[in-house]
Amino acid sequence: MKYLIYSLLLIFLVNVSTNAQPVQDGNQDLIIVPKESTACEWNPKRELKPSPVRCGLNDLGAPNIGIYDCGKSDNCEDHCVFIQCQVI
């Protein structure tokens, strides 16, 4: 009975996973399911950040503000793209 349950579970897993690849290991079939992709989608949000290199400094020596689109890169790291200096 135990082997019947394992066999049914194995058939279920093969049918559920379209990318599953059976591997022969002795008397048993093992199912290897590939890891899901960790790629992130670029979905930028506007952010204001101090930008002394691109936008310079104000009269008090504080950095002027830059406008950035920030989000996750393809490999899921934080990434910002400079758009322009904020006009006050």
PDB file of N, CA and C in Angstrom:
ATOM      1  N   MET A   1       0.828  -1.198   0.000  1.00  0.00           N
ATOM      2  CA  MET A   1       0.000   0.000   0.000  1.00  0.00           C
ATOM      3  C   MET A   1       0.872   1.262   0.000  1.00  0.00           C
ATOM      4  N   LYS A   2       1.979   1.221   0.775  1.00  0.00           N
ATOM      5  CA  LYS A   2       2.862   2.376   0.855  1.00  0.00           C
ATOM      6  C   LYS A   2       3.447   2.687  -0.525  1.00  0.00           C
ATOM      7  N   TYR A   3       3.828   1.659  -1.279  1.00  0.00           N
ATOM      8  CA  TYR A   3       4.409   1.868  -2.605  1.00  0.00           C
ATOM      9  C   TYR A   3       3.383   2.400  -3.593  1.00  0.00           C
ATOM     10  N   LEU A   4       2.122   2.025  -3.428  1.00  0.00           N
ATOM     11  CA  LEU A   4       1.057   2.541  -4.280  1.00  0.00           C
ATOM     12  C   LEU A   4       0.893   4.041  -4.066  1.00  0.00           C
ATOM     13  N   ILE A   5       0.932   4.482  -2.817  1.00  0.00           N
ATOM     14  CA  ILE A   5       0.803   5.902  -2.514  1.00  0.00           C
ATOM     15  C   ILE A   5       1.985   6.671  -3.092  1.00  0.00           C
ATOM     16  N   TYR A   6       3.219   6.145  -2.916  1.00  0.00           N
ATOM     17  CA  TYR A   6       4.403   6.796  -3.478  1.00  0.00           C
ATOM     18  C   TYR A   6       4.325   6.871  -5.000  1.00  0.00           C
ATOM     19  N   SER A   7       3.823   5.800  -5.622  1.00  0.00           N
ATOM     20  CA  SER A   7       3.704   5.788  -7.081  1.00  0.00           C
ATOM     21  C   SER A   7       2.695   6.826  -7.552  1.00  0.00           C
ATOM     22  N   LEU A   8       1.568   6.927  -6.870  1.00  0.00           N
ATOM     23  CA  LEU A   8       0.556   7.916  -7.242  1.00  0.00           C
ATOM     24  C   LEU A   8       1.077   9.333  -7.037  1.00  0.00           C
ATOM     25  N   LEU A   9       1.813   9.548  -5.951  1.00  0.00           N
ATOM     26  CA  LEU A   9       2.405  10.856  -5.702  1.00  0.00           C
ATOM     27  C   LEU A   9       3.417  11.197  -6.786  1.00  0.00           C
ATOM     28  N   LEU A  10       4.205  10.232  -7.188  1.00  0.00           N
ATOM     29  CA  LEU A  10       5.187  10.429  -8.242  1.00  0.00           C
ATOM     30  C   LEU A  10       4.505  10.782  -9.562  1.00  0.00           C
ATOM     31  N   ILE A  11       3.447  10.094  -9.917  1.00  0.00           N
ATOM     32  CA  ILE A  11       2.705  10.382 -11.154  1.00  0.00           C
ATOM     33  C   ILE A  11       2.106  11.785 -11.078  1.00  0.00           C
ATOM     34  N   PHE A  12       1.576  12.145  -9.909  1.00  0.00           N
ATOM     35  CA  PHE A  12       1.004  13.489  -9.731  1.00  0.00           C
ATOM     36  C   PHE A  12       2.062  14.559  -9.941  1.00  0.00           C
ATOM     37  N   LEU A  13       3.231  14.380  -9.343  1.00  0.00           N
ATOM     38  CA  LEU A  13       4.288  15.370  -9.478  1.00  0.00           C
ATOM     39  C   LEU A  13       4.756  15.511 -10.918  1.00  0.00           C
ATOM     40  N   VAL A  14       4.823  14.424 -11.638  1.00  0.00           N
ATOM     41  CA  VAL A  14       5.230  14.479 -13.045  1.00  0.00           C
ATOM     42  C   VAL A  14       4.197  15.236 -13.861  1.00  0.00           C
ATOM     43  N   ASN A  15       2.932  15.015 -13.598  1.00  0.00           N
ATOM     44  CA  ASN A  15       1.877  15.696 -14.348  1.00  0.00           C
ATOM     45  C   ASN A  15       1.776  17.170 -13.998  1.00  0.00           C
ATOM     46  N   VAL A  16       2.063  17.540 -12.745  1.00  0.00           N
ATOM     47  CA  VAL A  16       1.951  18.929 -12.316  1.00  0.00           C
ATOM     48  C   VAL A  16       3.095  19.767 -12.859  1.00  0.00           C
ATOM     49  N   SER A  17       4.288  19.236 -12.826  1.00  0.00           N
ATOM     50  CA  SER A  17       5.463  19.993 -13.244  1.00  0.00           C
ATOM     51  C   SER A  17       5.766  19.708 -14.707  1.00  0.00           C
ATOM     52  N   THR A  18       5.593  20.722 -15.552  1.00  0.00           N
ATOM     53  CA  THR A  18       5.849  20.523 -16.985  1.00  0.00           C
ATOM     54  C   THR A  18       7.329  20.485 -17.295  1.00  0.00           C
ATOM     55  N   ASN A  19       8.172  21.054 -16.405  1.00  0.00           N
ATOM     56  CA  ASN A  19       9.609  21.065 -16.622  1.00  0.00           C
ATOM     57  C   ASN A  19      10.323  19.959 -15.867  1.00  0.00           C
ATOM     58  N   ALA A  20       9.596  19.066 -15.250  1.00  0.00           N
ATOM     59  CA  ALA A  20      10.224  18.010 -14.469  1.00  0.00           C
ATOM     60  C   ALA A  20      10.923  17.020 -15.390  1.00  0.00           C
ATOM     61  N   GLN A  21      12.075  16.539 -14.915  1.00  0.00           N
ATOM     62  CA  GLN A  21      12.841  15.570 -15.678  1.00  0.00           C
ATOM     63  C   GLN A  21      13.063  14.338 -14.815  1.00  0.00           C
ATOM     64  N   PRO A  22      12.553  13.157 -15.227  1.00  0.00           N
ATOM     65  CA  PRO A  22      12.792  11.960 -14.431  1.00  0.00           C
ATOM     66  C   PRO A  22      14.249  11.523 -14.545  1.00  0.00           C
ATOM     67  N   VAL A  23      14.787  11.049 -13.436  1.00  0.00           N
ATOM     68  CA  VAL A  23      16.161  10.559 -13.399  1.00  0.00           C
ATOM     69  C   VAL A  23      16.133   9.170 -12.790  1.00  0.00           C
ATOM     70  N   GLN A  24      16.786   8.215 -13.428  1.00  0.00           N
ATOM     71  CA  GLN A  24      16.816   6.845 -12.936  1.00  0.00           C
ATOM     72  C   GLN A  24      17.878   6.725 -11.856  1.00  0.00           C
ATOM     73  N   ASP A  25      17.507   6.244 -10.673  1.00  0.00           N
ATOM     74  CA  ASP A  25      18.448   6.040  -9.577  1.00  0.00           C
ATOM     75  C   ASP A  25      18.166   4.682  -8.953  1.00  0.00           C
ATOM     76  N   GLY A  26      18.836   3.673  -9.436  1.00  0.00           N
ATOM     77  CA  GLY A  26      18.599   2.323  -8.919  1.00  0.00           C
ATOM     78  C   GLY A  26      17.225   1.843  -9.330  1.00  0.00           C
ATOM     79  N   ASN A  27      16.397   1.543  -8.348  1.00  0.00           N
ATOM     80  CA  ASN A  27      15.043   1.027  -8.614  1.00  0.00           C
ATOM     81  C   ASN A  27      13.984   2.116  -8.567  1.00  0.00           C
ATOM     82  N   GLN A  28      14.379   3.335  -8.290  1.00  0.00           N
ATOM     83  CA  GLN A  28      13.394   4.403  -8.133  1.00  0.00           C
ATOM     84  C   GLN A  28      13.599   5.480  -9.179  1.00  0.00           C
ATOM     85  N   ASP A  29      12.512   6.103  -9.581  1.00  0.00           N
ATOM     86  CA  ASP A  29      12.578   7.277 -10.446  1.00  0.00           C
ATOM     87  C   ASP A  29      12.517   8.510  -9.556  1.00  0.00           C
ATOM     88  N   LEU A  30      13.515   9.386  -9.685  1.00  0.00           N
ATOM     89  CA  LEU A  30      13.517  10.636  -8.954  1.00  0.00           C
ATOM     90  C   LEU A  30      13.077  11.744  -9.886  1.00  0.00           C
ATOM     91  N   ILE A  31      12.376  12.705  -9.351  1.00  0.00           N
ATOM     92  CA  ILE A  31      11.917  13.839 -10.149  1.00  0.00           C
ATOM     93  C   ILE A  31      12.752  15.059  -9.767  1.00  0.00           C
ATOM     94  N   ILE A  32      13.382  15.667 -10.766  1.00  0.00           N
ATOM     95  CA  ILE A  32      14.142  16.877 -10.546  1.00  0.00           C
ATOM     96  C   ILE A  32      13.354  18.029 -11.148  1.00  0.00           C
ATOM     97  N   VAL A  33      12.941  18.947 -10.301  1.00  0.00           N
ATOM     98  CA  VAL A  33      12.171  20.108 -10.744  1.00  0.00           C
ATOM     99  C   VAL A  33      13.120  21.303 -10.758  1.00  0.00           C
ATOM    100  N   PRO A  34      13.290  21.951 -11.924  1.00  0.00           N
ATOM    101  CA  PRO A  34      14.201  23.089 -11.990  1.00  0.00           C
ATOM    102  C   PRO A  34      13.745  24.227 -11.092  1.00  0.00           C
ATOM    103  N   LYS A  35      14.721  24.991 -10.545  1.00  0.00           N
ATOM    104  CA  LYS A  35      14.399  26.148  -9.731  1.00  0.00           C
ATOM    105  C   LYS A  35      13.700  27.200 -10.571  1.00  0.00           C
ATOM    106  N   GLU A  36      12.816  27.923  -9.912  1.00  0.00           N
ATOM    107  CA  GLU A  36      12.142  29.020 -10.598  1.00  0.00           C
ATOM    108  C   GLU A  36      13.161  30.106 -10.928  1.00  0.00           C
ATOM    109  N   SER A  37      12.914  30.823 -11.969  1.00  0.00           N
ATOM    110  CA  SER A  37      13.790  31.919 -12.360  1.00  0.00           C
ATOM    111  C   SER A  37      13.720  33.029 -11.303  1.00  0.00           C
ATOM    112  N   THR A  38      14.867  33.617 -11.025  1.00  0.00           N
ATOM    113  CA  THR A  38      14.891  34.693 -10.039  1.00  0.00           C
ATOM    114  C   THR A  38      14.961  36.066 -10.698  1.00  0.00           C
ATOM    115  N   ALA A  39      14.707  36.118 -11.984  1.00  0.00           N
ATOM    116  CA  ALA A  39      14.751  37.397 -12.691  1.00  0.00           C
ATOM    117  C   ALA A  39      13.630  38.302 -12.192  1.00  0.00           C
ATOM    118  N   CYS A  40      13.958  39.560 -12.002  1.00  0.00           N
ATOM    119  CA  CYS A  40      12.964  40.543 -11.562  1.00  0.00           C
ATOM    120  C   CYS A  40      12.562  41.427 -12.743  1.00  0.00           C
ATOM    121  N   GLU A  41      11.376  41.928 -12.682  1.00  0.00           N
ATOM    122  CA  GLU A  41      10.877  42.816 -13.727  1.00  0.00           C
ATOM    123  C   GLU A  41      11.153  44.264 -13.330  1.00  0.00           C
ATOM    124  N   TRP A  42      11.629  45.059 -14.281  1.00  0.00           N
ATOM    125  CA  TRP A  42      11.897  46.474 -14.032  1.00  0.00           C
ATOM    126  C   TRP A  42      10.574  47.200 -13.890  1.00  0.00           C
ATOM    127  N   ASN A  43      10.314  47.698 -12.700  1.00  0.00           N
ATOM    128  CA  ASN A  43       9.075  48.412 -12.397  1.00  0.00           C
ATOM    129  C   ASN A  43       9.452  49.657 -11.598  1.00  0.00           C
ATOM    130  N   PRO A  44       9.948  50.710 -12.287  1.00  0.00           N
ATOM    131  CA  PRO A  44      10.547  51.850 -11.588  1.00  0.00           C
ATOM    132  C   PRO A  44       9.539  52.718 -10.843  1.00  0.00           C
ATOM    133  N   LYS A  45      10.037  53.299  -9.761  1.00  0.00           N
ATOM    134  CA  LYS A  45       9.292  54.289  -8.971  1.00  0.00           C
ATOM    135  C   LYS A  45      10.148  55.548  -8.917  1.00  0.00           C
ATOM    136  N   ARG A  46       9.517  56.714  -8.981  1.00  0.00           N
ATOM    137  CA  ARG A  46      10.250  57.985  -8.919  1.00  0.00           C
ATOM    138  C   ARG A  46      10.748  58.210  -7.498  1.00  0.00           C
ATOM    139  N   GLU A  47      12.017  58.620  -7.375  1.00  0.00           N
ATOM    140  CA  GLU A  47      12.607  58.948  -6.081  1.00  0.00           C
ATOM    141  C   GLU A  47      13.439  60.210  -6.215  1.00  0.00           C
ATOM    142  N   LEU A  48      13.455  60.982  -5.142  1.00  0.00           N
ATOM    143  CA  LEU A  48      14.300  62.175  -5.066  1.00  0.00           C
ATOM    144  C   LEU A  48      15.497  61.832  -4.199  1.00  0.00           C
ATOM    145  N   LYS A  49      16.716  62.134  -4.729  1.00  0.00           N
ATOM    146  CA  LYS A  49      17.939  61.817  -3.994  1.00  0.00           C
ATOM    147  C   LYS A  49      18.924  62.966  -4.110  1.00  0.00           C
ATOM    148  N   PRO A  50      19.730  63.169  -3.079  1.00  0.00           N
ATOM    149  CA  PRO A  50      20.799  64.160  -3.182  1.00  0.00           C
ATOM    150  C   PRO A  50      21.737  63.770  -4.326  1.00  0.00           C
ATOM    151  N   SER A  51      22.068  64.748  -5.197  1.00  0.00           N
ATOM    152  CA  SER A  51      22.876  64.456  -6.378  1.00  0.00           C
ATOM    153  C   SER A  51      23.932  65.527  -6.601  1.00  0.00           C
ATOM    154  N   PRO A  52      24.929  65.599  -5.720  1.00  0.00           N
ATOM    155  CA  PRO A  52      25.925  66.666  -5.846  1.00  0.00           C
ATOM    156  C   PRO A  52      26.748  66.569  -7.127  1.00  0.00           C
ATOM    157  N   VAL A  53      27.025  65.363  -7.616  1.00  0.00           N
ATOM    158  CA  VAL A  53      27.858  65.213  -8.817  1.00  0.00           C
ATOM    159  C   VAL A  53      27.111  65.683 -10.058  1.00  0.00           C
ATOM    160  N   ARG A  54      25.859  65.305 -10.179  1.00  0.00           N
ATOM    161  CA  ARG A  54      25.090  65.650 -11.387  1.00  0.00           C
ATOM    162  C   ARG A  54      24.409  67.008 -11.297  1.00  0.00           C
ATOM    163  N   CYS A  55      23.995  67.404 -10.093  1.00  0.00           N
ATOM    164  CA  CYS A  55      23.180  68.619  -9.957  1.00  0.00           C
ATOM    165  C   CYS A  55      23.881  69.743  -9.201  1.00  0.00           C
ATOM    166  N   GLY A  56      25.053  69.476  -8.669  1.00  0.00           N
ATOM    167  CA  GLY A  56      25.804  70.523  -7.984  1.00  0.00           C
ATOM    168  C   GLY A  56      25.339  70.758  -6.556  1.00  0.00           C
ATOM    169  N   LEU A  57      25.840  71.861  -5.997  1.00  0.00           N
ATOM    170  CA  LEU A  57      25.525  72.234  -4.619  1.00  0.00           C
ATOM    171  C   LEU A  57      24.762  73.557  -4.604  1.00  0.00           C
ATOM    172  N   ASN A  58      23.934  73.761  -3.576  1.00  0.00           N
ATOM    173  CA  ASN A  58      23.212  75.038  -3.449  1.00  0.00           C
ATOM    174  C   ASN A  58      24.114  76.065  -2.753  1.00  0.00           C
ATOM    175  N   ASP A  59      23.572  77.234  -2.458  1.00  0.00           N
ATOM    176  CA  ASP A  59      24.351  78.325  -1.855  1.00  0.00           C
ATOM    177  C   ASP A  59      24.894  77.973  -0.470  1.00  0.00           C
ATOM    178  N   LEU A  60      24.233  77.059   0.227  1.00  0.00           N
ATOM    179  CA  LEU A  60      24.668  76.663   1.565  1.00  0.00           C
ATOM    180  C   LEU A  60      25.650  75.487   1.525  1.00  0.00           C
ATOM    181  N   GLY A  61      25.953  74.982   0.335  1.00  0.00           N
ATOM    182  CA  GLY A  61      26.873  73.856   0.202  1.00  0.00           C
ATOM    183  C   GLY A  61      26.218  72.498   0.286  1.00  0.00           C
ATOM    184  N   ALA A  62      24.894  72.460   0.398  1.00  0.00           N
ATOM    185  CA  ALA A  62      24.164  71.188   0.437  1.00  0.00           C
ATOM    186  C   ALA A  62      23.921  70.701  -1.001  1.00  0.00           C
ATOM    187  N   PRO A  63      23.893  69.388  -1.203  1.00  0.00           N
ATOM    188  CA  PRO A  63      23.677  68.883  -2.569  1.00  0.00           C
ATOM    189  C   PRO A  63      22.271  69.182  -3.074  1.00  0.00           C
ATOM    190  N   ASN A  64      22.181  69.554  -4.350  1.00  0.00           N
ATOM    191  CA  ASN A  64      20.873  69.714  -4.992  1.00  0.00           C
ATOM    192  C   ASN A  64      20.259  68.328  -5.206  1.00  0.00           C
ATOM    193  N   ILE A  65      18.947  68.323  -5.391  1.00  0.00           N
ATOM    194  CA  ILE A  65      18.200  67.071  -5.491  1.00  0.00           C
ATOM    195  C   ILE A  65      18.060  66.651  -6.954  1.00  0.00           C
ATOM    196  N   GLY A  66      18.247  65.347  -7.183  1.00  0.00           N
ATOM    197  CA  GLY A  66      18.036  64.767  -8.500  1.00  0.00           C
ATOM    198  C   GLY A  66      16.819  63.864  -8.494  1.00  0.00           C
ATOM    199  N   ILE A  67      16.206  63.706  -9.653  1.00  0.00           N
ATOM    200  CA  ILE A  67      15.048  62.822  -9.817  1.00  0.00           C
ATOM    201  C   ILE A  67      15.541  61.532 -10.472  1.00  0.00           C
ATOM    202  N   TYR A  68      15.185  60.402  -9.854  1.00  0.00           N
ATOM    203  CA  TYR A  68      15.634  59.094 -10.313  1.00  0.00           C
ATOM    204  C   TYR A  68      14.448  58.150 -10.497  1.00  0.00           C
ATOM    205  N   ASP A  69      14.570  57.228 -11.427  1.00  0.00           N
ATOM    206  CA  ASP A  69      13.674  56.078 -11.516  1.00  0.00           C
ATOM    207  C   ASP A  69      14.405  54.924 -10.853  1.00  0.00           C
ATOM    208  N   CYS A  70      13.831  54.385  -9.763  1.00  0.00           N
ATOM    209  CA  CYS A  70      14.482  53.312  -9.008  1.00  0.00           C
ATOM    210  C   CYS A  70      13.603  52.072  -8.987  1.00  0.00           C
ATOM    211  N   GLY A  71      14.252  50.927  -9.075  1.00  0.00           N
ATOM    212  CA  GLY A  71      13.543  49.654  -9.031  1.00  0.00           C
ATOM    213  C   GLY A  71      14.536  48.522  -8.911  1.00  0.00           C
ATOM    214  N   LYS A  72      14.121  47.330  -9.314  1.00  0.00           N
ATOM    215  CA  LYS A  72      14.956  46.133  -9.272  1.00  0.00           C
ATOM    216  C   LYS A  72      15.474  45.835 -10.671  1.00  0.00           C
ATOM    217  N   SER A  73      16.757  45.505 -10.752  1.00  0.00           N
ATOM    218  CA  SER A  73      17.347  45.124 -12.038  1.00  0.00           C
ATOM    219  C   SER A  73      16.951  43.687 -12.375  1.00  0.00           C
ATOM    220  N   ASP A  74      17.391  43.190 -13.539  1.00  0.00           N
ATOM    221  CA  ASP A  74      17.061  41.827 -13.962  1.00  0.00           C
ATOM    222  C   ASP A  74      17.508  40.778 -12.954  1.00  0.00           C
ATOM    223  N   ASN A  75      18.606  41.048 -12.250  1.00  0.00           N
ATOM    224  CA  ASN A  75      19.083  40.082 -11.255  1.00  0.00           C
ATOM    225  C   ASN A  75      18.641  40.460  -9.839  1.00  0.00           C
ATOM    226  N   CYS A  76      17.572  41.258  -9.738  1.00  0.00           N
ATOM    227  CA  CYS A  76      16.885  41.599  -8.486  1.00  0.00           C
ATOM    228  C   CYS A  76      17.707  42.472  -7.538  1.00  0.00           C
ATOM    229  N   GLU A  77      18.641  43.246  -8.059  1.00  0.00           N
ATOM    230  CA  GLU A  77      19.388  44.198  -7.238  1.00  0.00           C
ATOM    231  C   GLU A  77      18.762  45.580  -7.394  1.00  0.00           C
ATOM    232  N   ASP A  78      18.835  46.383  -6.322  1.00  0.00           N
ATOM    233  CA  ASP A  78      18.327  47.753  -6.387  1.00  0.00           C
ATOM    234  C   ASP A  78      19.128  48.537  -7.423  1.00  0.00           C
ATOM    235  N   HIS A  79      18.412  49.309  -8.247  1.00  0.00           N
ATOM    236  CA  HIS A  79      19.067  50.055  -9.325  1.00  0.00           C
ATOM    237  C   HIS A  79      18.295  51.347  -9.561  1.00  0.00           C
ATOM    238  N   CYS A  80      19.027  52.463  -9.691  1.00  0.00           N
ATOM    239  CA  CYS A  80      18.406  53.765  -9.966  1.00  0.00           C
ATOM    240  C   CYS A  80      19.017  54.371 -11.217  1.00  0.00           C
ATOM    241  N   VAL A  81      18.162  55.024 -11.999  1.00  0.00           N
ATOM    242  CA  VAL A  81      18.584  55.698 -13.236  1.00  0.00           C
ATOM    243  C   VAL A  81      18.276  57.177 -13.081  1.00  0.00           C
ATOM    244  N   PHE A  82      19.301  58.019 -13.248  1.00  0.00           N
ATOM    245  CA  PHE A  82      19.138  59.460 -13.134  1.00  0.00           C
ATOM    246  C   PHE A  82      18.258  59.971 -14.274  1.00  0.00           C
ATOM    247  N   ILE A  83      17.290  60.838 -13.944  1.00  0.00           N
ATOM    248  CA  ILE A  83      16.409  61.434 -14.956  1.00  0.00           C
ATOM    249  C   ILE A  83      16.794  62.890 -15.190  1.00  0.00           C
ATOM    250  N   GLN A  84      16.737  63.705 -14.131  1.00  0.00           N
ATOM    251  CA  GLN A  84      17.079  65.125 -14.244  1.00  0.00           C
ATOM    252  C   GLN A  84      17.223  65.731 -12.854  1.00  0.00           C
ATOM    253  N   CYS A  85      17.737  66.935 -12.824  1.00  0.00           N
ATOM    254  CA  CYS A  85      17.826  67.681 -11.565  1.00  0.00           C
ATOM    255  C   CYS A  85      16.452  68.290 -11.261  1.00  0.00           C
ATOM    256  N   GLN A  86      16.117  68.331  -9.978  1.00  0.00           N
ATOM    257  CA  GLN A  86      14.844  68.928  -9.576  1.00  0.00           C
ATOM    258  C   GLN A  86      14.962  70.439  -9.681  1.00  0.00           C
ATOM    259  N   VAL A  87      13.962  71.052 -10.325  1.00  0.00           N
ATOM    260  CA  VAL A  87      13.932  72.503 -10.465  1.00  0.00           C
ATOM    261  C   VAL A  87      13.090  73.052  -9.337  1.00  0.00           C
ATOM    262  N   ILE A  88      13.686  74.003  -8.592  1.00  0.00           N
ATOM    263  CA  ILE A  88      12.962  74.575  -7.442  1.00  0.00           C
ATOM    264  C   ILE A  88      12.393  75.933  -7.812  1.00  0.00           C
TER     265      ILE A  88
END
